[in-house]
């Protein structure tokens, strides 16, 4: 059923108005409410509040289990995984204003857009383009790859739990933020290496594998550095060449091919299972 759930979610994201997920960002709303309510509480209490929605999700899965030949369970898995998907749309409209400004040769506007929309502040056009590429790759990794990995391994509750952690880890200043950051790092450690391997398979294999070897077993090496480094290596000579009509086309093409590798592997594992 896992492959069917992922295929349905992919179709919904591709062909429905919910390309960014549901209209209401339920995990984001819950994290904001929880952070306001648990600001002065001990860390363990804040974490309990953070993961409280998982209890409701588990109850829902238990109630629909075995009903109507599994159809309600399928629908529940799709709904929960849709909540676990990020809202950046990295393969679609994310960074589109930046790309449009860059293509009309308005680099000053592109810098301001990158700072405003993507939180980037770099010097030099080449460094800025690499930073935007890395930001899109990281959004793809965190919005799609990590939820897919944990859904396949532990089910929809794990995918939704990661999304709650990922959102809370961005709330600097909250007492529980260091704890959620460490937990997020742990959940991203293995998927980051697997994602880098998929980038190697569809990009410059030797260069990407060399970068991956240098950080493969280093626990302290976070997903940001692993994904960004392997992405630049995988792009190789394709990145930002004069023949490219759209400046972000190479990175989006590479990431799409990488996700196709994941889809083929998941389909193959489903057939074996």
C-alpha atoms as a PDB file:
ATOM      1  CA  UNK A   1       0.000   0.000   0.000  1.00  0.00           C
ATOM      2  CA  UNK A   2       2.938   2.346   0.589  1.00  0.00           C
ATOM      3  CA  UNK A   3       3.673   2.755  -3.115  1.00  0.00           C
ATOM      4  CA  UNK A   4      -0.007   3.424  -3.861  1.00  0.00           C
ATOM      5  CA  UNK A   5      -0.154   6.084  -1.135  1.00  0.00           C
ATOM      6  CA  UNK A   6       2.964   7.829  -2.450  1.00  0.00           C
ATOM      7  CA  UNK A   7       1.677   7.652  -6.030  1.00  0.00           C
ATOM      8  CA  UNK A   8      -1.671   9.204  -5.012  1.00  0.00           C
ATOM      9  CA  UNK A   9       0.085  11.984  -3.082  1.00  0.00           C
ATOM     10  CA  UNK A  10       2.356  12.679  -6.069  1.00  0.00           C
ATOM     11  CA  UNK A  11      -0.688  12.969  -8.354  1.00  0.00           C
ATOM     12  CA  UNK A  12      -2.424  15.285  -5.880  1.00  0.00           C
ATOM     13  CA  UNK A  13       0.644  17.526  -5.609  1.00  0.00           C
ATOM     14  CA  UNK A  14       1.116  17.580  -9.365  1.00  0.00           C
ATOM     15  CA  UNK A  15      -2.414  18.023 -10.694  1.00  0.00           C
ATOM     16  CA  UNK A  16      -4.524  19.524  -7.887  1.00  0.00           C
ATOM     17  CA  UNK A  17      -4.660  23.021  -6.369  1.00  0.00           C
ATOM     18  CA  UNK A  18      -2.947  21.516  -3.302  1.00  0.00           C
ATOM     19  CA  UNK A  19       0.527  21.752  -4.827  1.00  0.00           C
ATOM     20  CA  UNK A  20       1.731  23.396  -1.600  1.00  0.00           C
ATOM     21  CA  UNK A  21      -0.213  20.979   0.579  1.00  0.00           C
ATOM     22  CA  UNK A  22      -3.568  21.703   2.176  1.00  0.00           C
ATOM     23  CA  UNK A  23      -4.782  25.297   2.275  1.00  0.00           C
ATOM     24  CA  UNK A  24      -4.377  25.288   6.070  1.00  0.00           C
ATOM     25  CA  UNK A  25      -0.879  24.413   7.226  1.00  0.00           C
ATOM     26  CA  UNK A  26      -2.018  22.252  10.149  1.00  0.00           C
ATOM     27  CA  UNK A  27       1.472  21.249  11.421  1.00  0.00           C
ATOM     28  CA  UNK A  28       2.668  24.862  11.195  1.00  0.00           C
ATOM     29  CA  UNK A  29      -0.440  26.098  13.002  1.00  0.00           C
ATOM     30  CA  UNK A  30      -0.016  23.501  15.753  1.00  0.00           C
ATOM     31  CA  UNK A  31       3.681  24.274  16.258  1.00  0.00           C
ATOM     32  CA  UNK A  32       2.920  27.989  16.556  1.00  0.00           C
ATOM     33  CA  UNK A  33       0.166  27.375  19.108  1.00  0.00           C
ATOM     34  CA  UNK A  34       2.303  24.886  21.028  1.00  0.00           C
ATOM     35  CA  UNK A  35       5.299  27.242  21.105  1.00  0.00           C
ATOM     36  CA  UNK A  36       3.140  30.034  22.539  1.00  0.00           C
ATOM     37  CA  UNK A  37       1.637  27.723  25.162  1.00  0.00           C
ATOM     38  CA  UNK A  38       4.879  26.017  26.212  1.00  0.00           C
ATOM     39  CA  UNK A  39       7.316  28.914  26.295  1.00  0.00           C
ATOM     40  CA  UNK A  40       7.990  28.637  30.035  1.00  0.00           C
ATOM     41  CA  UNK A  41       7.422  24.888  30.420  1.00  0.00           C
ATOM     42  CA  UNK A  42      10.221  22.305  30.822  1.00  0.00           C
ATOM     43  CA  UNK A  43      11.612  20.896  27.587  1.00  0.00           C
ATOM     44  CA  UNK A  44      10.050  17.458  28.073  1.00  0.00           C
ATOM     45  CA  UNK A  45       6.600  19.003  28.470  1.00  0.00           C
ATOM     46  CA  UNK A  46       7.091  21.117  25.353  1.00  0.00           C
ATOM     47  CA  UNK A  47       8.044  17.990  23.406  1.00  0.00           C
ATOM     48  CA  UNK A  48       4.962  16.148  24.670  1.00  0.00           C
ATOM     49  CA  UNK A  49       2.781  19.003  23.476  1.00  0.00           C
ATOM     50  CA  UNK A  50       4.604  19.063  20.137  1.00  0.00           C
ATOM     51  CA  UNK A  51       3.873  15.391  19.457  1.00  0.00           C
ATOM     52  CA  UNK A  52       0.322  15.432  20.822  1.00  0.00           C
ATOM     53  CA  UNK A  53      -1.249  15.385  17.302  1.00  0.00           C
ATOM     54  CA  UNK A  54       0.411  12.008  16.699  1.00  0.00           C
ATOM     55  CA  UNK A  55      -1.870  10.510  19.346  1.00  0.00           C
ATOM     56  CA  UNK A  56      -4.922  11.714  17.437  1.00  0.00           C
ATOM     57  CA  UNK A  57      -3.474  10.412  14.173  1.00  0.00           C
ATOM     58  CA  UNK A  58      -2.761   7.019  15.773  1.00  0.00           C
ATOM     59  CA  UNK A  59      -6.346   6.867  17.065  1.00  0.00           C
ATOM     60  CA  UNK A  60      -7.664   7.644  13.579  1.00  0.00           C
ATOM     61  CA  UNK A  61      -5.584   4.850  12.023  1.00  0.00           C
ATOM     62  CA  UNK A  62      -6.788   2.427  14.707  1.00  0.00           C
ATOM     63  CA  UNK A  63     -10.467   3.320  14.181  1.00  0.00           C
ATOM     64  CA  UNK A  64     -10.377   2.816  10.389  1.00  0.00           C
ATOM     65  CA  UNK A  65      -8.188  -0.294  10.430  1.00  0.00           C
ATOM     66  CA  UNK A  66      -9.769  -3.193   8.549  1.00  0.00           C
ATOM     67  CA  UNK A  67     -12.884  -1.270   7.493  1.00  0.00           C
ATOM     68  CA  UNK A  68     -14.259  -1.444   3.926  1.00  0.00           C
ATOM     69  CA  UNK A  69     -11.375  -3.558   2.594  1.00  0.00           C
ATOM     70  CA  UNK A  70      -8.787  -1.036   3.726  1.00  0.00           C
ATOM     71  CA  UNK A  71     -10.131   1.945   1.769  1.00  0.00           C
ATOM     72  CA  UNK A  72     -10.487   4.238   4.854  1.00  0.00           C
ATOM     73  CA  UNK A  73      -6.939   3.271   5.873  1.00  0.00           C
ATOM     74  CA  UNK A  74      -5.674   4.244   2.431  1.00  0.00           C
ATOM     75  CA  UNK A  75      -7.443   7.608   2.631  1.00  0.00           C
ATOM     76  CA  UNK A  76      -6.115   8.203   6.161  1.00  0.00           C
ATOM     77  CA  UNK A  77      -2.541   7.453   5.037  1.00  0.00           C
ATOM     78  CA  UNK A  78      -2.877   9.853   2.102  1.00  0.00           C
ATOM     79  CA  UNK A  79      -4.267  12.626   4.315  1.00  0.00           C
ATOM     80  CA  UNK A  80      -1.573  12.183   6.975  1.00  0.00           C
ATOM     81  CA  UNK A  81       1.216  12.079   4.416  1.00  0.00           C
ATOM     82  CA  UNK A  82      -0.157  15.222   2.767  1.00  0.00           C
ATOM     83  CA  UNK A  83       0.202  16.917   6.150  1.00  0.00           C
ATOM     84  CA  UNK A  84       3.806  15.691   6.330  1.00  0.00           C
ATOM     85  CA  UNK A  85       4.776  17.148   2.953  1.00  0.00           C
ATOM     86  CA  UNK A  86       6.463  20.567   2.984  1.00  0.00           C
ATOM     87  CA  UNK A  87       4.923  23.656   1.443  1.00  0.00           C
ATOM     88  CA  UNK A  88       7.809  25.173  -0.550  1.00  0.00           C
ATOM     89  CA  UNK A  89       7.102  23.540  -3.948  1.00  0.00           C
ATOM     90  CA  UNK A  90      10.833  23.428  -4.806  1.00  0.00           C
ATOM     91  CA  UNK A  91      10.278  21.855  -8.231  1.00  0.00           C
ATOM     92  CA  UNK A  92       7.642  24.444  -9.146  1.00  0.00           C
ATOM     93  CA  UNK A  93       7.219  28.057  -8.095  1.00  0.00           C
ATOM     94  CA  UNK A  94       9.849  28.191  -5.358  1.00  0.00           C
ATOM     95  CA  UNK A  95      12.509  30.795  -6.286  1.00  0.00           C
ATOM     96  CA  UNK A  96      10.571  31.667  -9.438  1.00  0.00           C
ATOM     97  CA  UNK A  97      10.620  35.447  -8.719  1.00  0.00           C
ATOM     98  CA  UNK A  98      14.396  35.211  -8.226  1.00  0.00           C
ATOM     99  CA  UNK A  99      14.778  33.360 -11.505  1.00  0.00           C
ATOM    100  CA  UNK A 100      12.642  35.889 -13.379  1.00  0.00           C
ATOM    101  CA  UNK A 101      14.639  38.813 -11.988  1.00  0.00           C
ATOM    102  CA  UNK A 102      17.912  37.116 -12.906  1.00  0.00           C
ATOM    103  CA  UNK A 103      16.764  36.296 -16.436  1.00  0.00           C
ATOM    104  CA  UNK A 104      15.887  39.929 -17.125  1.00  0.00           C
ATOM    105  CA  UNK A 105      19.412  40.834 -15.925  1.00  0.00           C
ATOM    106  CA  UNK A 106      18.193  42.655 -12.826  1.00  0.00           C
ATOM    107  CA  UNK A 107      20.736  41.244 -10.387  1.00  0.00           C
ATOM    108  CA  UNK A 108      20.024  43.819  -7.701  1.00  0.00           C
ATOM    109  CA  UNK A 109      16.373  42.774  -7.585  1.00  0.00           C
ATOM    110  CA  UNK A 110      17.462  39.123  -7.597  1.00  0.00           C
ATOM    111  CA  UNK A 111      19.656  39.720  -4.539  1.00  0.00           C
ATOM    112  CA  UNK A 112      16.795  41.386  -2.660  1.00  0.00           C
ATOM    113  CA  UNK A 113      14.371  38.594  -3.592  1.00  0.00           C
ATOM    114  CA  UNK A 114      16.859  35.927  -2.476  1.00  0.00           C
ATOM    115  CA  UNK A 115      17.277  37.696   0.857  1.00  0.00           C
ATOM    116  CA  UNK A 116      13.541  38.234   1.339  1.00  0.00           C
ATOM    117  CA  UNK A 117      12.113  34.919   0.102  1.00  0.00           C
ATOM    118  CA  UNK A 118      14.947  32.445   0.640  1.00  0.00           C
ATOM    119  CA  UNK A 119      16.835  33.952   3.575  1.00  0.00           C
ATOM    120  CA  UNK A 120      20.097  34.098   1.607  1.00  0.00           C
ATOM    121  CA  UNK A 121      22.746  36.770   1.973  1.00  0.00           C
ATOM    122  CA  UNK A 122      25.838  36.049  -0.132  1.00  0.00           C
ATOM    123  CA  UNK A 123      28.390  38.024  -2.074  1.00  0.00           C
ATOM    124  CA  UNK A 124      29.029  37.537  -5.780  1.00  0.00           C
ATOM    125  CA  UNK A 125      26.691  36.174  -8.472  1.00  0.00           C
ATOM    126  CA  UNK A 126      28.219  32.693  -8.588  1.00  0.00           C
ATOM    127  CA  UNK A 127      27.953  32.251  -4.817  1.00  0.00           C
ATOM    128  CA  UNK A 128      24.356  33.480  -4.895  1.00  0.00           C
ATOM    129  CA  UNK A 129      23.366  31.039  -7.628  1.00  0.00           C
ATOM    130  CA  UNK A 130      24.996  28.160  -5.773  1.00  0.00           C
ATOM    131  CA  UNK A 131      23.191  29.178  -2.574  1.00  0.00           C
ATOM    132  CA  UNK A 132      19.828  29.261  -4.399  1.00  0.00           C
ATOM    133  CA  UNK A 133      20.533  25.835  -5.919  1.00  0.00           C
ATOM    134  CA  UNK A 134      21.354  24.473  -2.472  1.00  0.00           C
ATOM    135  CA  UNK A 135      18.223  26.046  -0.965  1.00  0.00           C
ATOM    136  CA  UNK A 136      16.023  24.364  -3.603  1.00  0.00           C
ATOM    137  CA  UNK A 137      17.768  21.018  -3.085  1.00  0.00           C
ATOM    138  CA  UNK A 138      17.346  21.225   0.696  1.00  0.00           C
ATOM    139  CA  UNK A 139      13.672  22.076   0.298  1.00  0.00           C
ATOM    140  CA  UNK A 140      13.251  19.028  -1.958  1.00  0.00           C
ATOM    141  CA  UNK A 141      15.069  16.904   0.600  1.00  0.00           C
ATOM    142  CA  UNK A 142      13.058  18.110   3.601  1.00  0.00           C
ATOM    143  CA  UNK A 143       9.689  18.486   1.876  1.00  0.00           C
ATOM    144  CA  UNK A 144       9.680  15.140   0.057  1.00  0.00           C
ATOM    145  CA  UNK A 145      12.650  12.835   0.637  1.00  0.00           C
ATOM    146  CA  UNK A 146      12.747  12.671   4.452  1.00  0.00           C
ATOM    147  CA  UNK A 147       8.956  12.225   4.842  1.00  0.00           C
ATOM    148  CA  UNK A 148       9.052   9.490   2.168  1.00  0.00           C
ATOM    149  CA  UNK A 149      11.929   7.718   3.900  1.00  0.00           C
ATOM    150  CA  UNK A 150      10.306   7.658   7.327  1.00  0.00           C
ATOM    151  CA  UNK A 151       6.876   6.841   5.907  1.00  0.00           C
ATOM    152  CA  UNK A 152       8.299   3.768   4.193  1.00  0.00           C
ATOM    153  CA  UNK A 153      10.229   2.746   7.299  1.00  0.00           C
ATOM    154  CA  UNK A 154       7.767   3.481  10.130  1.00  0.00           C
ATOM    155  CA  UNK A 155       4.517   4.723   8.588  1.00  0.00           C
ATOM    156  CA  UNK A 156       2.624   8.037   8.426  1.00  0.00           C
ATOM    157  CA  UNK A 157       3.090   8.897  12.117  1.00  0.00           C
ATOM    158  CA  UNK A 158       6.868   9.012  11.657  1.00  0.00           C
ATOM    159  CA  UNK A 159       6.554  11.238   8.576  1.00  0.00           C
ATOM    160  CA  UNK A 160       4.209  13.622  10.393  1.00  0.00           C
ATOM    161  CA  UNK A 161       6.441  13.595  13.461  1.00  0.00           C
ATOM    162  CA  UNK A 162       9.400  14.656  11.335  1.00  0.00           C
ATOM    163  CA  UNK A 163       7.390  17.545   9.877  1.00  0.00           C
ATOM    164  CA  UNK A 164       6.509  18.795  13.365  1.00  0.00           C
ATOM    165  CA  UNK A 165      10.172  18.589  14.386  1.00  0.00           C
ATOM    166  CA  UNK A 166      11.371  20.334  11.237  1.00  0.00           C
ATOM    167  CA  UNK A 167       8.987  23.254  11.711  1.00  0.00           C
ATOM    168  CA  UNK A 168       9.775  23.630  15.406  1.00  0.00           C
ATOM    169  CA  UNK A 169      13.541  23.453  14.810  1.00  0.00           C
ATOM    170  CA  UNK A 170      13.253  26.757  12.904  1.00  0.00           C
ATOM    171  CA  UNK A 171      11.844  28.579  15.950  1.00  0.00           C
ATOM    172  CA  UNK A 172      15.030  30.069  17.356  1.00  0.00           C
ATOM    173  CA  UNK A 173      14.849  31.212  20.948  1.00  0.00           C
ATOM    174  CA  UNK A 174      12.380  28.576  22.148  1.00  0.00           C
ATOM    175  CA  UNK A 175      13.631  26.450  25.047  1.00  0.00           C
ATOM    176  CA  UNK A 176      12.940  23.182  23.213  1.00  0.00           C
ATOM    177  CA  UNK A 177      14.505  24.316  19.921  1.00  0.00           C
ATOM    178  CA  UNK A 178      17.978  22.814  20.592  1.00  0.00           C
ATOM    179  CA  UNK A 179      16.364  19.455  21.423  1.00  0.00           C
ATOM    180  CA  UNK A 180      14.211  19.440  18.290  1.00  0.00           C
ATOM    181  CA  UNK A 181      17.236  20.485  16.212  1.00  0.00           C
ATOM    182  CA  UNK A 182      19.207  17.485  17.494  1.00  0.00           C
ATOM    183  CA  UNK A 183      16.289  15.147  16.842  1.00  0.00           C
ATOM    184  CA  UNK A 184      15.860  16.560  13.344  1.00  0.00           C
ATOM    185  CA  UNK A 185      19.574  16.030  12.685  1.00  0.00           C
ATOM    186  CA  UNK A 186      19.231  12.387  13.720  1.00  0.00           C
ATOM    187  CA  UNK A 187      16.213  11.821  11.467  1.00  0.00           C
ATOM    188  CA  UNK A 188      17.948  13.471   8.501  1.00  0.00           C
ATOM    189  CA  UNK A 189      21.363  11.817   8.848  1.00  0.00           C
ATOM    190  CA  UNK A 190      20.725   8.618   6.878  1.00  0.00           C
ATOM    191  CA  UNK A 191      18.227  10.054   4.330  1.00  0.00           C
ATOM    192  CA  UNK A 192      20.761  12.796   3.466  1.00  0.00           C
ATOM    193  CA  UNK A 193      23.358  10.177   2.493  1.00  0.00           C
ATOM    194  CA  UNK A 194      20.834   8.187   0.463  1.00  0.00           C
ATOM    195  CA  UNK A 195      19.644  11.347  -1.271  1.00  0.00           C
ATOM    196  CA  UNK A 196      23.249  12.256  -2.085  1.00  0.00           C
ATOM    197  CA  UNK A 197      23.707   8.789  -3.589  1.00  0.00           C
ATOM    198  CA  UNK A 198      20.663   9.300  -5.806  1.00  0.00           C
ATOM    199  CA  UNK A 199      22.154  12.633  -6.929  1.00  0.00           C
ATOM    200  CA  UNK A 200      25.342  10.788  -7.849  1.00  0.00           C
ATOM    201  CA  UNK A 201      23.388   8.287  -9.944  1.00  0.00           C
ATOM    202  CA  UNK A 202      21.761  11.013 -12.066  1.00  0.00           C
ATOM    203  CA  UNK A 203      24.634  13.542 -12.061  1.00  0.00           C
ATOM    204  CA  UNK A 204      28.418  13.573 -12.134  1.00  0.00           C
ATOM    205  CA  UNK A 205      28.921  10.202 -10.446  1.00  0.00           C
ATOM    206  CA  UNK A 206      32.646  10.309  -9.674  1.00  0.00           C
ATOM    207  CA  UNK A 207      32.704  13.854  -8.293  1.00  0.00           C
ATOM    208  CA  UNK A 208      29.571  13.341  -6.186  1.00  0.00           C
ATOM    209  CA  UNK A 209      30.797  10.028  -4.827  1.00  0.00           C
ATOM    210  CA  UNK A 210      34.070  11.693  -3.834  1.00  0.00           C
ATOM    211  CA  UNK A 211      32.221  14.366  -1.862  1.00  0.00           C
ATOM    212  CA  UNK A 212      29.940  11.754  -0.297  1.00  0.00           C
ATOM    213  CA  UNK A 213      32.896   9.613   0.814  1.00  0.00           C
ATOM    214  CA  UNK A 214      34.377  12.560   2.719  1.00  0.00           C
ATOM    215  CA  UNK A 215      31.272  12.924   4.918  1.00  0.00           C
ATOM    216  CA  UNK A 216      29.672   9.496   4.753  1.00  0.00           C
ATOM    217  CA  UNK A 217      30.291   8.362   8.348  1.00  0.00           C
ATOM    218  CA  UNK A 218      30.704  11.744  10.045  1.00  0.00           C
ATOM    219  CA  UNK A 219      27.831  12.140  12.493  1.00  0.00           C
ATOM    220  CA  UNK A 220      28.428  15.867  12.966  1.00  0.00           C
ATOM    221  CA  UNK A 221      28.058  16.543   9.247  1.00  0.00           C
ATOM    222  CA  UNK A 222      24.502  17.849   8.886  1.00  0.00           C
ATOM    223  CA  UNK A 223      22.131  17.446   5.982  1.00  0.00           C
ATOM    224  CA  UNK A 224      22.648  21.049   4.845  1.00  0.00           C
ATOM    225  CA  UNK A 225      26.323  20.532   4.064  1.00  0.00           C
ATOM    226  CA  UNK A 226      25.939  17.007   2.694  1.00  0.00           C
ATOM    227  CA  UNK A 227      23.130  17.905   0.291  1.00  0.00           C
ATOM    228  CA  UNK A 228      24.653  21.235  -0.795  1.00  0.00           C
ATOM    229  CA  UNK A 229      28.112  19.747  -1.383  1.00  0.00           C
ATOM    230  CA  UNK A 230      26.870  16.708  -3.281  1.00  0.00           C
ATOM    231  CA  UNK A 231      24.478  18.832  -5.324  1.00  0.00           C
ATOM    232  CA  UNK A 232      27.252  21.079  -6.632  1.00  0.00           C
ATOM    233  CA  UNK A 233      29.341  18.032  -7.444  1.00  0.00           C
ATOM    234  CA  UNK A 234      26.432  16.310  -9.202  1.00  0.00           C
ATOM    235  CA  UNK A 235      25.645  19.371 -11.314  1.00  0.00           C
ATOM    236  CA  UNK A 236      29.222  19.418 -12.596  1.00  0.00           C
ATOM    237  CA  UNK A 237      29.593  21.427 -15.796  1.00  0.00           C
ATOM    238  CA  UNK A 238      25.822  21.695 -16.344  1.00  0.00           C
ATOM    239  CA  UNK A 239      25.268  24.413 -13.769  1.00  0.00           C
ATOM    240  CA  UNK A 240      24.739  27.958 -15.044  1.00  0.00           C
ATOM    241  CA  UNK A 241      26.066  27.370 -18.555  1.00  0.00           C
ATOM    242  CA  UNK A 242      25.256  29.988 -21.235  1.00  0.00           C
ATOM    243  CA  UNK A 243      23.113  27.465 -23.114  1.00  0.00           C
ATOM    244  CA  UNK A 244      20.666  27.199 -20.233  1.00  0.00           C
ATOM    245  CA  UNK A 245      17.594  29.313 -20.938  1.00  0.00           C
ATOM    246  CA  UNK A 246      16.344  29.254 -17.347  1.00  0.00           C
ATOM    247  CA  UNK A 247      19.047  29.630 -14.759  1.00  0.00           C
ATOM    248  CA  UNK A 248      17.501  27.143 -12.288  1.00  0.00           C
ATOM    249  CA  UNK A 249      16.586  24.559 -14.917  1.00  0.00           C
ATOM    250  CA  UNK A 250      19.653  22.302 -14.359  1.00  0.00           C
ATOM    251  CA  UNK A 251      19.101  21.922 -10.617  1.00  0.00           C
ATOM    252  CA  UNK A 252      15.369  21.259 -10.988  1.00  0.00           C
ATOM    253  CA  UNK A 253      16.043  18.684 -13.705  1.00  0.00           C
ATOM    254  CA  UNK A 254      18.643  16.954 -11.544  1.00  0.00           C
ATOM    255  CA  UNK A 255      16.335  16.877  -8.515  1.00  0.00           C
ATOM    256  CA  UNK A 256      13.438  15.535 -10.593  1.00  0.00           C
ATOM    257  CA  UNK A 257      15.637  12.723 -11.892  1.00  0.00           C
ATOM    258  CA  UNK A 258      16.772  11.992  -8.344  1.00  0.00           C
ATOM    259  CA  UNK A 259      13.178  11.664  -7.161  1.00  0.00           C
ATOM    260  CA  UNK A 260      12.500   9.337 -10.095  1.00  0.00           C
ATOM    261  CA  UNK A 261      15.339   7.128  -8.840  1.00  0.00           C
ATOM    262  CA  UNK A 262      13.600   7.014  -5.463  1.00  0.00           C
ATOM    263  CA  UNK A 263      10.276   6.182  -7.160  1.00  0.00           C
ATOM    264  CA  UNK A 264      11.830   3.309  -9.132  1.00  0.00           C
ATOM    265  CA  UNK A 265      13.499   1.891  -6.016  1.00  0.00           C
ATOM    266  CA  UNK A 266      10.254   2.130  -4.028  1.00  0.00           C
ATOM    267  CA  UNK A 267       8.301   0.411  -6.829  1.00  0.00           C
ATOM    268  CA  UNK A 268      10.900  -2.360  -7.012  1.00  0.00           C
ATOM    269  CA  UNK A 269      10.831  -2.913  -3.240  1.00  0.00           C
ATOM    270  CA  UNK A 270       7.009  -2.958  -3.323  1.00  0.00           C
ATOM    271  CA  UNK A 271       7.060  -5.661  -6.005  1.00  0.00           C
ATOM    272  CA  UNK A 272       9.464  -7.760  -3.963  1.00  0.00           C
ATOM    273  CA  UNK A 273       7.356  -7.267  -0.854  1.00  0.00           C
END
